Amino acid sequence: MSAYPGVKTYVCSRMLPQSEAEGVEVVEDAVELVRWLKHQEGRDICIMGGGALGASLLEADLIDEIGLNVHPVLLGSGVPLFPGMSRQVDLELLEARPFENGCVLVSYRVKR
């Protein structure tokens, strides 16, 4: 069963086998999937994933908006949010919403 009933769910992975769950499809190429989805009828596309997935979709100019949860924790080291980007992507702030736990949800539009 899909995590979101009534919503087609895709899992982008080069290692997972095809899913047996109803409404869930495993695909290898996220860029080609999103490019194809953007030409289909329907509503918005929501992508959840890590920085490498986000970077590949940003590089392919397939992302319109980005939502980030900022947590009130400072780390001494870590990985870049979007590793391996070959170009700068300019953003316009759409919303900044604080939560009682100290997290802040920020939403940006990708400038073109």
Foldseek 3Di string as FASTA:
>chain_A
DDPDPPAQAEAADPPDDADPDPSYGYDDDLCVVLVVVVPDDDDDDDDDDAQQSVLVCVLVVRDFKDKDKDAPDDDPDDDDRRPPRPDDWDWDWDDWAADPNGIIITMTGTDD
